[in-house]
Amino acid sequence: MNGKLLAVDIGNSNIVTGMWTEEGWTGIWRFSSHPPPDDKHYYANALYAKLVENEVNPSEISDIVISSVVPTLTPLWINALTVHFKVRPLLIGSQLFQKLNMRIIASDEIGTDIVSNAFAAYNRYPSDTIVIDFGTALTMTTVSKTKGILGVSIAPGLKTATLSLFKGTAQLPEVPLVLPASVLGKNTVQAIQSGVLIGYIGLIKHTVEAIRKELKQPFPVIATGGLSAILHPLKDFFYEIDPNLTLDGMRFIYETVKEKSGNGL
């Protein structure tokens, strides 16, 4: 790459961007996944504002990679990127998976965010791992250095779980995602925080131990996602918390595809 690689991770709650150079990630910006329905240029304008605010010259961007699990937002972002950069984005999808040196299960339905997480772990860590992504969904992906993705477990994310109680009931409120001091909730907010946040600590530990028992391996656990630091009692349970793991996986995919395509995408 002659300049910076711009990675755009389009998720169900947020879009996260990052700019990569050999010095690491910069320009970690978040945008809502719920733009105004009548503003087709929302992302182009929002991205422009970030570029100006952070004094980023569009000519600095030489490569772009996109991962999207929201098909309706993909063309909006391709349009926004086309407005500002003279670079054709690489959209990660099943058509590229065969170029990766990692086995991928259910390639026609697996999320590109899950694949990106797995590919980052596959390339960065010396052993088999379990990647837990705290996003709109809580995903737990088991990755083997020799067999690729072995399997995935999916549960509602922390925010999704609390919002479902708020939206699906008449009297339960929306609550902040703050771990309560006690498991014994003394009011409705604390009760929901206890049931969801403390409950999810047990969910994660039990699922990981079940994976380890079934496969007879002590997989280290890598955590990522915007909500990965909320359940702080799990800090020592995790081998590492890496908020940029998905972006790293997208970068590895881009570099691998570019290399195998003879530097032409």
C-alpha atoms as a PDB file:
ATOM      1  CA  MET A   1       0.000   0.000   0.000  1.00  0.00           C
ATOM      2  CA  ASN A   2       1.288   3.415  -0.970  1.00  0.00           C
ATOM      3  CA  GLY A   3      -0.957   5.297   1.434  1.00  0.00           C
ATOM      4  CA  LYS A   4      -3.508   4.481   4.095  1.00  0.00           C
ATOM      5  CA  LEU A   5      -5.976   1.595   4.075  1.00  0.00           C
ATOM      6  CA  LEU A   6      -9.469   2.707   5.060  1.00  0.00           C
ATOM      7  CA  ALA A   7     -11.560  -0.073   6.619  1.00  0.00           C
ATOM      8  CA  VAL A   8     -15.332   0.358   6.957  1.00  0.00           C
ATOM      9  CA  ASP A   9     -17.096  -2.131   9.237  1.00  0.00           C
ATOM     10  CA  ILE A  10     -20.875  -1.820   8.764  1.00  0.00           C
ATOM     11  CA  GLY A  11     -22.738  -3.367  11.691  1.00  0.00           C
ATOM     12  CA  ASN A  12     -26.319  -3.445  12.876  1.00  0.00           C
ATOM     13  CA  SER A  13     -25.852  -0.741  15.521  1.00  0.00           C
ATOM     14  CA  ASN A  14     -22.785   1.180  14.391  1.00  0.00           C
ATOM     15  CA  ILE A  15     -20.457   1.655  11.459  1.00  0.00           C
ATOM     16  CA  VAL A  16     -16.825   1.754  12.542  1.00  0.00           C
ATOM     17  CA  THR A  17     -14.061   3.106  10.338  1.00  0.00           C
ATOM     18  CA  GLY A  18     -10.321   2.942  10.780  1.00  0.00           C
ATOM     19  CA  MET A  19      -7.277   4.070   8.799  1.00  0.00           C
ATOM     20  CA  TRP A  20      -4.244   1.782   8.800  1.00  0.00           C
ATOM     21  CA  THR A  21      -0.600   2.576   8.273  1.00  0.00           C
ATOM     22  CA  GLU A  22       2.432   0.669   9.490  1.00  0.00           C
ATOM     23  CA  GLU A  23       2.225   2.743  12.690  1.00  0.00           C
ATOM     24  CA  GLY A  24      -1.195   1.276  13.504  1.00  0.00           C
ATOM     25  CA  TRP A  25      -4.846   2.311  13.426  1.00  0.00           C
ATOM     26  CA  THR A  26      -6.014   5.921  13.414  1.00  0.00           C
ATOM     27  CA  GLY A  27      -9.320   7.523  12.500  1.00  0.00           C
ATOM     28  CA  ILE A  28     -11.419   5.127  14.575  1.00  0.00           C
ATOM     29  CA  TRP A  29     -14.768   6.829  13.953  1.00  0.00           C
ATOM     30  CA  ARG A  30     -18.278   5.613  14.721  1.00  0.00           C
ATOM     31  CA  PHE A  31     -21.438   6.363  12.770  1.00  0.00           C
ATOM     32  CA  SER A  32     -25.006   5.295  13.515  1.00  0.00           C
ATOM     33  CA  SER A  33     -26.453   2.405  11.516  1.00  0.00           C
ATOM     34  CA  HIS A  34     -29.801   4.214  11.534  1.00  0.00           C
ATOM     35  CA  PRO A  35     -29.476   7.213   9.196  1.00  0.00           C
ATOM     36  CA  PRO A  36     -32.370   9.589   8.483  1.00  0.00           C
ATOM     37  CA  PRO A  37     -34.542   7.782   5.906  1.00  0.00           C
ATOM     38  CA  ASP A  38     -34.921  10.877   3.715  1.00  0.00           C
ATOM     39  CA  ASP A  39     -31.226  11.812   3.548  1.00  0.00           C
ATOM     40  CA  LYS A  40     -29.403   9.784   0.873  1.00  0.00           C
ATOM     41  CA  HIS A  41     -26.228  11.807   1.416  1.00  0.00           C
ATOM     42  CA  TYR A  42     -26.119  11.396   5.192  1.00  0.00           C
ATOM     43  CA  TYR A  43     -22.989   9.221   5.261  1.00  0.00           C
ATOM     44  CA  ALA A  44     -21.184  11.235   2.590  1.00  0.00           C
ATOM     45  CA  ASN A  45     -21.715  14.386   4.654  1.00  0.00           C
ATOM     46  CA  ALA A  46     -20.919  12.692   7.978  1.00  0.00           C
ATOM     47  CA  LEU A  47     -17.697  11.242   6.563  1.00  0.00           C
ATOM     48  CA  TYR A  48     -16.721  14.592   5.078  1.00  0.00           C
ATOM     49  CA  ALA A  49     -17.194  16.233   8.482  1.00  0.00           C
ATOM     50  CA  LYS A  50     -14.854  13.680  10.077  1.00  0.00           C
ATOM     51  CA  LEU A  51     -12.236  14.147   7.374  1.00  0.00           C
ATOM     52  CA  VAL A  52     -12.280  17.924   7.808  1.00  0.00           C
ATOM     53  CA  GLU A  53     -12.369  17.755  11.605  1.00  0.00           C
ATOM     54  CA  ASN A  54      -9.339  15.449  11.687  1.00  0.00           C
ATOM     55  CA  GLU A  55      -7.477  17.156   8.821  1.00  0.00           C
ATOM     56  CA  VAL A  56      -7.371  14.034   6.661  1.00  0.00           C
ATOM     57  CA  ASN A  57      -6.696  14.625   2.978  1.00  0.00           C
ATOM     58  CA  PRO A  58      -8.703  12.140   0.863  1.00  0.00           C
ATOM     59  CA  SER A  59      -5.615  11.636  -1.317  1.00  0.00           C
ATOM     60  CA  GLU A  60      -3.964   9.896   1.661  1.00  0.00           C
ATOM     61  CA  ILE A  61      -6.319   6.916   1.179  1.00  0.00           C
ATOM     62  CA  SER A  62      -4.926   4.426  -1.344  1.00  0.00           C
ATOM     63  CA  ASP A  63      -6.975   1.337  -0.442  1.00  0.00           C
ATOM     64  CA  ILE A  64     -10.479   0.699   0.936  1.00  0.00           C
ATOM     65  CA  VAL A  65     -12.060  -2.466   2.347  1.00  0.00           C
ATOM     66  CA  ILE A  66     -15.679  -2.901   3.479  1.00  0.00           C
ATOM     67  CA  SER A  67     -17.335  -5.500   5.675  1.00  0.00           C
ATOM     68  CA  SER A  68     -21.118  -5.237   5.883  1.00  0.00           C
ATOM     69  CA  VAL A  69     -23.807  -7.250   7.638  1.00  0.00           C
ATOM     70  CA  VAL A  70     -26.477  -4.685   6.694  1.00  0.00           C
ATOM     71  CA  PRO A  71     -27.123  -4.981   2.931  1.00  0.00           C
ATOM     72  CA  THR A  72     -29.309  -1.863   2.790  1.00  0.00           C
ATOM     73  CA  LEU A  73     -26.443   0.301   4.087  1.00  0.00           C
ATOM     74  CA  THR A  74     -23.781  -1.088   1.755  1.00  0.00           C
ATOM     75  CA  PRO A  75     -24.696   1.005  -1.334  1.00  0.00           C
ATOM     76  CA  LEU A  76     -25.025   4.134   0.816  1.00  0.00           C
ATOM     77  CA  TRP A  77     -21.458   3.694   2.024  1.00  0.00           C
ATOM     78  CA  ILE A  78     -20.081   2.784  -1.390  1.00  0.00           C
ATOM     79  CA  ASN A  79     -21.650   6.018  -2.642  1.00  0.00           C
ATOM     80  CA  ALA A  80     -20.173   8.005   0.272  1.00  0.00           C
ATOM     81  CA  LEU A  81     -16.715   6.563  -0.357  1.00  0.00           C
ATOM     82  CA  THR A  82     -16.947   7.164  -4.099  1.00  0.00           C
ATOM     83  CA  VAL A  83     -17.752  10.825  -3.458  1.00  0.00           C
ATOM     84  CA  HIS A  84     -14.560  11.400  -1.460  1.00  0.00           C
ATOM     85  CA  PHE A  85     -11.995   8.881  -2.707  1.00  0.00           C
ATOM     86  CA  LYS A  86     -10.746   7.821  -6.144  1.00  0.00           C
ATOM     87  CA  VAL A  87     -10.375   4.228  -4.970  1.00  0.00           C
ATOM     88  CA  ARG A  88     -12.520   1.196  -5.761  1.00  0.00           C
ATOM     89  CA  PRO A  89     -13.513  -0.424  -2.444  1.00  0.00           C
ATOM     90  CA  LEU A  90     -13.098  -4.149  -1.885  1.00  0.00           C
ATOM     91  CA  LEU A  91     -16.331  -5.572  -0.472  1.00  0.00           C
ATOM     92  CA  ILE A  92     -15.684  -8.670   1.629  1.00  0.00           C
ATOM     93  CA  GLY A  93     -18.057 -11.501   0.714  1.00  0.00           C
ATOM     94  CA  SER A  94     -18.269 -15.221   0.081  1.00  0.00           C
ATOM     95  CA  GLN A  95     -16.757 -14.752  -3.390  1.00  0.00           C
ATOM     96  CA  LEU A  96     -13.438 -13.931  -1.693  1.00  0.00           C
ATOM     97  CA  PHE A  97     -13.387 -16.664   0.943  1.00  0.00           C
ATOM     98  CA  GLN A  98     -11.729 -19.200  -1.343  1.00  0.00           C
ATOM     99  CA  LYS A  99      -8.709 -16.883  -1.561  1.00  0.00           C
ATOM    100  CA  LEU A 100      -8.145 -17.102   2.205  1.00  0.00           C
ATOM    101  CA  ASN A 101      -5.941 -19.818   3.635  1.00  0.00           C
ATOM    102  CA  MET A 102      -8.540 -20.587   6.328  1.00  0.00           C
ATOM    103  CA  ARG A 103     -11.509 -22.959   6.200  1.00  0.00           C
ATOM    104  CA  ILE A 104     -14.843 -21.153   6.546  1.00  0.00           C
ATOM    105  CA  ILE A 105     -18.061 -22.923   7.446  1.00  0.00           C
ATOM    106  CA  ALA A 106     -21.456 -22.054   5.896  1.00  0.00           C
ATOM    107  CA  SER A 107     -19.701 -19.600   3.589  1.00  0.00           C
ATOM    108  CA  ASP A 108     -22.935 -18.457   1.946  1.00  0.00           C
ATOM    109  CA  GLU A 109     -24.498 -17.334   5.238  1.00  0.00           C
ATOM    110  CA  ILE A 110     -21.748 -16.544   7.754  1.00  0.00           C
ATOM    111  CA  GLY A 111     -21.332 -12.862   8.616  1.00  0.00           C
ATOM    112  CA  THR A 112     -18.276 -11.098   7.220  1.00  0.00           C
ATOM    113  CA  ASP A 113     -17.654  -9.618  10.678  1.00  0.00           C
ATOM    114  CA  ILE A 114     -17.347 -13.151  12.100  1.00  0.00           C
ATOM    115  CA  VAL A 115     -14.989 -14.135   9.281  1.00  0.00           C
ATOM    116  CA  SER A 116     -12.917 -10.981   9.840  1.00  0.00           C
ATOM    117  CA  ASN A 117     -12.609 -11.710  13.573  1.00  0.00           C
ATOM    118  CA  ALA A 118     -11.647 -15.306  12.879  1.00  0.00           C
ATOM    119  CA  PHE A 119      -9.091 -14.371  10.216  1.00  0.00           C
ATOM    120  CA  ALA A 120      -7.476 -11.848  12.563  1.00  0.00           C
ATOM    121  CA  ALA A 121      -7.166 -14.454  15.311  1.00  0.00           C
ATOM    122  CA  TYR A 122      -5.960 -17.035  12.782  1.00  0.00           C
ATOM    123  CA  ASN A 123      -3.152 -14.736  11.634  1.00  0.00           C
ATOM    124  CA  ARG A 124      -2.220 -13.022  14.878  1.00  0.00           C
ATOM    125  CA  TYR A 125      -2.271 -15.679  17.600  1.00  0.00           C
ATOM    126  CA  PRO A 126      -0.050 -18.772  17.793  1.00  0.00           C
ATOM    127  CA  SER A 127      -2.724 -21.150  19.077  1.00  0.00           C
ATOM    128  CA  ASP A 128      -6.360 -22.100  18.519  1.00  0.00           C
ATOM    129  CA  THR A 129      -8.668 -19.451  19.998  1.00  0.00           C
ATOM    130  CA  ILE A 130     -12.216 -18.497  20.850  1.00  0.00           C
ATOM    131  CA  VAL A 131     -13.167 -14.996  19.689  1.00  0.00           C
ATOM    132  CA  ILE A 132     -16.026 -13.301  21.526  1.00  0.00           C
ATOM    133  CA  ASP A 133     -17.472 -10.224  19.835  1.00  0.00           C
ATOM    134  CA  PHE A 134     -19.667  -7.998  22.014  1.00  0.00           C
ATOM    135  CA  GLY A 135     -21.864  -6.328  19.428  1.00  0.00           C
ATOM    136  CA  THR A 136     -25.551  -6.226  18.542  1.00  0.00           C
ATOM    137  CA  ALA A 137     -25.206  -9.988  18.760  1.00  0.00           C
ATOM    138  CA  LEU A 138     -22.834 -11.769  21.115  1.00  0.00           C
ATOM    139  CA  THR A 139     -20.857 -14.130  18.894  1.00  0.00           C
ATOM    140  CA  MET A 140     -18.391 -16.770  20.046  1.00  0.00           C
ATOM    141  CA  THR A 141     -16.260 -18.154  17.214  1.00  0.00           C
ATOM    142  CA  THR A 142     -13.925 -21.096  17.691  1.00  0.00           C
ATOM    143  CA  VAL A 143     -10.884 -20.879  15.415  1.00  0.00           C
ATOM    144  CA  SER A 144      -8.358 -23.640  14.731  1.00  0.00           C
ATOM    145  CA  LYS A 145      -4.899 -22.962  13.288  1.00  0.00           C
ATOM    146  CA  THR A 146      -5.182 -26.120  11.187  1.00  0.00           C
ATOM    147  CA  LYS A 147      -8.929 -26.423  10.491  1.00  0.00           C
ATOM    148  CA  GLY A 148     -10.117 -22.813  10.355  1.00  0.00           C
ATOM    149  CA  ILE A 149     -13.506 -21.904  11.801  1.00  0.00           C
ATOM    150  CA  LEU A 150     -14.830 -24.869  13.794  1.00  0.00           C
ATOM    151  CA  GLY A 151     -18.138 -23.358  14.865  1.00  0.00           C
ATOM    152  CA  VAL A 152     -20.010 -20.308  16.126  1.00  0.00           C
ATOM    153  CA  SER A 153     -22.370 -19.633  19.037  1.00  0.00           C
ATOM    154  CA  ILE A 154     -24.681 -16.611  18.817  1.00  0.00           C
ATOM    155  CA  ALA A 155     -26.752 -14.944  21.551  1.00  0.00           C
ATOM    156  CA  PRO A 156     -28.433 -11.532  21.759  1.00  0.00           C
ATOM    157  CA  GLY A 157     -25.930  -8.797  22.578  1.00  0.00           C
ATOM    158  CA  LEU A 158     -26.027  -6.993  25.919  1.00  0.00           C
ATOM    159  CA  LYS A 159     -27.774  -3.911  24.552  1.00  0.00           C
ATOM    160  CA  THR A 160     -30.091  -6.035  22.432  1.00  0.00           C
ATOM    161  CA  ALA A 161     -31.141  -8.027  25.490  1.00  0.00           C
ATOM    162  CA  THR A 162     -31.907  -4.967  27.624  1.00  0.00           C
ATOM    163  CA  LEU A 163     -33.712  -3.216  24.755  1.00  0.00           C
ATOM    164  CA  SER A 164     -35.868  -6.285  24.141  1.00  0.00           C
ATOM    165  CA  LEU A 165     -37.124  -6.067  27.730  1.00  0.00           C
ATOM    166  CA  PHE A 166     -37.803  -2.359  27.330  1.00  0.00           C
ATOM    167  CA  LYS A 167     -39.619  -2.737  23.998  1.00  0.00           C
ATOM    168  CA  GLY A 168     -41.403  -5.986  24.779  1.00  0.00           C
ATOM    169  CA  THR A 169     -42.915  -5.061  28.124  1.00  0.00           C
ATOM    170  CA  ALA A 170     -45.308  -2.391  29.344  1.00  0.00           C
ATOM    171  CA  GLN A 171     -43.521  -1.279  32.501  1.00  0.00           C
ATOM    172  CA  LEU A 172     -39.840  -2.242  32.335  1.00  0.00           C
ATOM    173  CA  PRO A 173     -37.529   0.725  31.585  1.00  0.00           C
ATOM    174  CA  GLU A 174     -34.517   1.035  29.314  1.00  0.00           C
ATOM    175  CA  VAL A 175     -31.460   0.711  31.532  1.00  0.00           C
ATOM    176  CA  PRO A 176     -27.796   1.767  31.264  1.00  0.00           C
ATOM    177  CA  LEU A 177     -25.285  -1.006  30.666  1.00  0.00           C
ATOM    178  CA  VAL A 178     -23.542  -0.715  34.021  1.00  0.00           C
ATOM    179  CA  LEU A 179     -22.578  -3.752  36.064  1.00  0.00           C
ATOM    180  CA  PRO A 180     -24.445  -3.549  39.415  1.00  0.00           C
ATOM    181  CA  ALA A 181     -22.569  -3.741  42.707  1.00  0.00           C
ATOM    182  CA  SER A 182     -24.806  -6.585  43.868  1.00  0.00           C
ATOM    183  CA  VAL A 183     -26.574  -9.469  42.163  1.00  0.00           C
ATOM    184  CA  LEU A 184     -29.530  -8.684  44.433  1.00  0.00           C
ATOM    185  CA  GLY A 185     -31.304  -5.898  42.568  1.00  0.00           C
ATOM    186  CA  LYS A 186     -33.106  -3.493  44.893  1.00  0.00           C
ATOM    187  CA  ASN A 187     -35.084  -1.753  42.151  1.00  0.00           C
ATOM    188  CA  THR A 188     -36.154  -2.486  38.569  1.00  0.00           C
ATOM    189  CA  VAL A 189     -33.051  -0.995  36.946  1.00  0.00           C
ATOM    190  CA  GLN A 190     -30.705  -2.954  39.203  1.00  0.00           C
ATOM    191  CA  ALA A 191     -32.764  -6.109  38.707  1.00  0.00           C
ATOM    192  CA  ILE A 192     -32.399  -5.915  34.914  1.00  0.00           C
ATOM    193  CA  GLN A 193     -28.705  -5.076  35.190  1.00  0.00           C
ATOM    194  CA  SER A 194     -28.226  -8.087  37.455  1.00  0.00           C
ATOM    195  CA  GLY A 195     -30.174 -10.487  35.268  1.00  0.00           C
ATOM    196  CA  VAL A 196     -28.591  -9.425  31.985  1.00  0.00           C
ATOM    197  CA  LEU A 197     -25.047  -8.296  32.827  1.00  0.00           C
ATOM    198  CA  ILE A 198     -24.232 -10.707  35.638  1.00  0.00           C
ATOM    199  CA  GLY A 199     -26.217 -13.394  33.839  1.00  0.00           C
ATOM    200  CA  TYR A 200     -24.106 -12.925  30.721  1.00  0.00           C
ATOM    201  CA  ILE A 201     -20.931 -13.523  32.720  1.00  0.00           C
ATOM    202  CA  GLY A 202     -22.276 -16.975  33.472  1.00  0.00           C
ATOM    203  CA  LEU A 203     -23.460 -17.478  29.888  1.00  0.00           C
ATOM    204  CA  ILE A 204     -20.015 -16.688  28.501  1.00  0.00           C
ATOM    205  CA  LYS A 205     -18.099 -18.784  31.000  1.00  0.00           C
ATOM    206  CA  HIS A 206     -20.410 -21.771  30.599  1.00  0.00           C
ATOM    207  CA  THR A 207     -20.334 -21.673  26.792  1.00  0.00           C
ATOM    208  CA  VAL A 208     -16.548 -21.353  26.688  1.00  0.00           C
ATOM    209  CA  GLU A 209     -16.116 -24.220  29.134  1.00  0.00           C
ATOM    210  CA  ALA A 210     -18.527 -26.339  27.069  1.00  0.00           C
ATOM    211  CA  ILE A 211     -16.450 -25.663  23.941  1.00  0.00           C
ATOM    212  CA  ARG A 212     -13.235 -26.509  25.776  1.00  0.00           C
ATOM    213  CA  LYS A 213     -14.741 -29.708  27.160  1.00  0.00           C
ATOM    214  CA  GLU A 214     -16.155 -30.845  23.806  1.00  0.00           C
ATOM    215  CA  LEU A 215     -12.914 -30.213  21.920  1.00  0.00           C
ATOM    216  CA  LYS A 216     -10.622 -31.114  24.831  1.00  0.00           C
ATOM    217  CA  GLN A 217      -8.519 -27.987  24.398  1.00  0.00           C
ATOM    218  CA  PRO A 218      -7.877 -24.998  26.714  1.00  0.00           C
ATOM    219  CA  PHE A 219      -8.699 -22.342  24.096  1.00  0.00           C
ATOM    220  CA  PRO A 220      -7.602 -18.812  25.104  1.00  0.00           C
ATOM    221  CA  VAL A 221     -10.402 -16.273  24.695  1.00  0.00           C
ATOM    222  CA  ILE A 222      -9.993 -13.048  22.707  1.00  0.00           C
ATOM    223  CA  ALA A 223     -12.647 -10.387  23.322  1.00  0.00           C
ATOM    224  CA  THR A 224     -13.565  -7.574  20.960  1.00  0.00           C
ATOM    225  CA  GLY A 225     -16.467  -5.237  20.191  1.00  0.00           C
ATOM    226  CA  GLY A 226     -17.623  -1.948  21.621  1.00  0.00           C
ATOM    227  CA  LEU A 227     -19.072  -3.508  24.780  1.00  0.00           C
ATOM    228  CA  SER A 228     -16.196  -5.891  25.529  1.00  0.00           C
ATOM    229  CA  ALA A 229     -14.956  -3.990  28.599  1.00  0.00           C
ATOM    230  CA  ILE A 230     -18.325  -3.722  30.387  1.00  0.00           C
ATOM    231  CA  LEU A 231     -18.184  -7.158  32.025  1.00  0.00           C
ATOM    232  CA  HIS A 232     -14.990  -6.374  33.930  1.00  0.00           C
ATOM    233  CA  PRO A 233     -15.148  -9.497  36.146  1.00  0.00           C
ATOM    234  CA  LEU A 234     -14.204 -11.364  32.955  1.00  0.00           C
ATOM    235  CA  LYS A 235     -10.997  -9.353  32.515  1.00  0.00           C
ATOM    236  CA  ASP A 236      -8.765 -12.170  33.798  1.00  0.00           C
ATOM    237  CA  PHE A 237     -10.879 -14.756  31.957  1.00  0.00           C
ATOM    238  CA  PHE A 238      -9.932 -13.160  28.647  1.00  0.00           C
ATOM    239  CA  TYR A 239      -6.474 -13.718  27.213  1.00  0.00           C
ATOM    240  CA  GLU A 240      -6.754 -10.313  25.554  1.00  0.00           C
ATOM    241  CA  ILE A 241      -9.289  -7.559  24.877  1.00  0.00           C
ATOM    242  CA  ASP A 242      -8.683  -6.154  21.402  1.00  0.00           C
ATOM    243  CA  PRO A 243     -11.183  -3.498  20.275  1.00  0.00           C
ATOM    244  CA  ASN A 244      -9.674  -3.387  16.767  1.00  0.00           C
ATOM    245  CA  LEU A 245      -9.693  -7.123  16.055  1.00  0.00           C
ATOM    246  CA  THR A 246     -12.402  -6.876  13.370  1.00  0.00           C
ATOM    247  CA  LEU A 247     -10.557  -4.079  11.573  1.00  0.00           C
ATOM    248  CA  ASP A 248      -7.354  -6.125  11.717  1.00  0.00           C
ATOM    249  CA  GLY A 249      -9.158  -9.097  10.176  1.00  0.00           C
ATOM    250  CA  MET A 250     -10.492  -6.914   7.377  1.00  0.00           C
ATOM    251  CA  ARG A 251      -6.947  -5.669   6.767  1.00  0.00           C
ATOM    252  CA  PHE A 252      -5.570  -9.218   6.647  1.00  0.00           C
ATOM    253  CA  ILE A 253      -8.319 -10.240   4.212  1.00  0.00           C
ATOM    254  CA  TYR A 254      -7.609  -7.244   1.982  1.00  0.00           C
ATOM    255  CA  GLU A 255      -3.868  -7.899   1.956  1.00  0.00           C
ATOM    256  CA  THR A 256      -4.348 -11.618   1.258  1.00  0.00           C
ATOM    257  CA  VAL A 257      -6.819 -11.058  -1.578  1.00  0.00           C
ATOM    258  CA  LYS A 258      -4.631  -8.329  -3.092  1.00  0.00           C
ATOM    259  CA  GLU A 259      -1.555 -10.563  -2.974  1.00  0.00           C
ATOM    260  CA  LYS A 260      -3.351 -13.530  -4.529  1.00  0.00           C
ATOM    261  CA  SER A 261      -4.855 -11.286  -7.202  1.00  0.00           C
ATOM    262  CA  GLY A 262      -1.408 -10.109  -8.257  1.00  0.00           C
ATOM    263  CA  ASN A 263      -1.834  -6.737  -6.523  1.00  0.00           C
ATOM    264  CA  GLY A 264      -4.859  -6.040  -8.698  1.00  0.00           C
ATOM    265  CA  LEU A 265      -8.338  -6.070  -7.198  1.00  0.00           C
END
